[in-house]
């Protein structure tokens, strides 16, 4: 009887492990709620920012009204667009639906991160690293700057690939999924294109099954690329996507490796310092640990121990982070703002795994006394996990934001009739060519999602009109298929509006001569029918020096 009671108490009692799990679940849920709700505060409950740009072509595919790159020219890879298609087909593209998806992705990232930390470290270090990481992410607003980040999608695929590879590393077939997830992350954002390398190294380390594992890894990667090509063919967008690749090759040339590497190193170092104050000392401490192991075991044994330590998590997590940095060098885009989400989880995993190795190395070093070893380990772990002043200041800012705003109302008043009124005005004037053009703003995709119209020119983002070839095509589109509606708002332009209208397209002149204002200040409707409208726009282009 006593034994049964002990078993019952052990299984269902409120022991420390149960309390720890409850705290992790509650903290993660609160973090997710705050990130999603704070993102929506003050945004009118409608689509905006980059999300609208990659959601608009996905919505067009589901509706059967358009296709990515054909009607929506963008530099983002197709995996990001196709990721949203099944979700929209099943649950729609409303903001409520997208909030649910964002919560799922954030929760998935946190769950996988916690699982990976669990495989790396002891329960205490795992819980400390996880909790401090959430605090740092909240302080830096890594997930709160924009809604439903592409970085959140790509990070989920990468963390899932790491979890599968480490859990099923002795099963070559599992690397089919790993390869597929690597391909998906690389087609969400090109920064992840090198993420397959750490898994290739992991496969090579499995001597009895290395070639089969590598073959499965490659097969999964190729299969996803094949599916994406098939998807582009199915919607008639493959040729248009090749245009995008040619555009990117000329507009975003490969940077000088040395200069770009130096810029990325400086930026990554500074970003790391803004997260955890003394992370830059970690490589020195890691080097000291390796030195001690070499002194005790010899170089060969110490290297084999390091490579195989904790199922190679130290090596794999480091290579993952390093390959992501290479992706930034390749794109010449140093880490900043919400982009740090990409490096955040792999860097914390590597730090945690490295701290475990440091503890292991120092605790087994016969050259140090027990008290000295424990003191050194405690100092290293403590210093590495101290949040920076930037994080602490960010926590203060987030606290003030929460006090100054209602976190629940934005979730309850999404896409209200008042917030959608301007889109109803736009739709009411679509009675000529049936298309419209949003002049400026990364949030231009929202107008096409809510009205059901396509842009008159596939260059729906003004910021991409960067060379004369695409500018010529844009001006031709605007005259051969004149917009029924032009949405003109300059506060979200993110470019020099005066220069744009002097060198690329004279929106102000066209609006003054060819369009009339509506009751909504940013919405202008065509004055004439399509033929007369085309002539009017053409005349303004010639007056600006762009005509024959």
Foldseek 3Di string as FASTA:
>chain_A
DVVVVVVVCVVPNCDPVNVLVVVLVVVLVVLLLLQQLLLLPPVLQFFFFQVLLLALQLLCVLVVNAHDLVQANDLAFCLQNVVCNVQCNVPNDFSLSQSVVQSVLSVLLLVLLLVLLVLQFDPVLSSLLSVLLSLLCLLLSLSRNHGPDLLSVLSSLLSVLVVQCLVPVVDLLSLLSSLLSLLSSCNSPVLSVLLLVLSLVLLVVPPVCNVSSVVSSVNSNVVNVVVSCVVCVVRVNNVSVVVSVVLCCVVQPFDDLVVLLVVQVVLVVVVLCQFAPPQVCLVVLLVVLLVLCCVVPNNVVSVVCCCPPSNNQLVSLVVSLVSSSVSCNRRSNHDDRSSCSNNSSSVSSNSSNSLVSSLVSLCPRPVDDPVVSVVVSVVSSVRRSHRHPSSVVSVVVSVVSPVVDDSVVSSVCRPHPVSCVVLVVVLVQCDALNAEAEDAASGQSRSCSSNVHTHLHNHRHLVSPDDPVVLVSVLVSCLQRPHQKYFYDCPRHPDDVVVCCLPRNVVVQLCVFFWDADPDRRMTGGPDHNNVSSVSRQVVCVVSPNHD
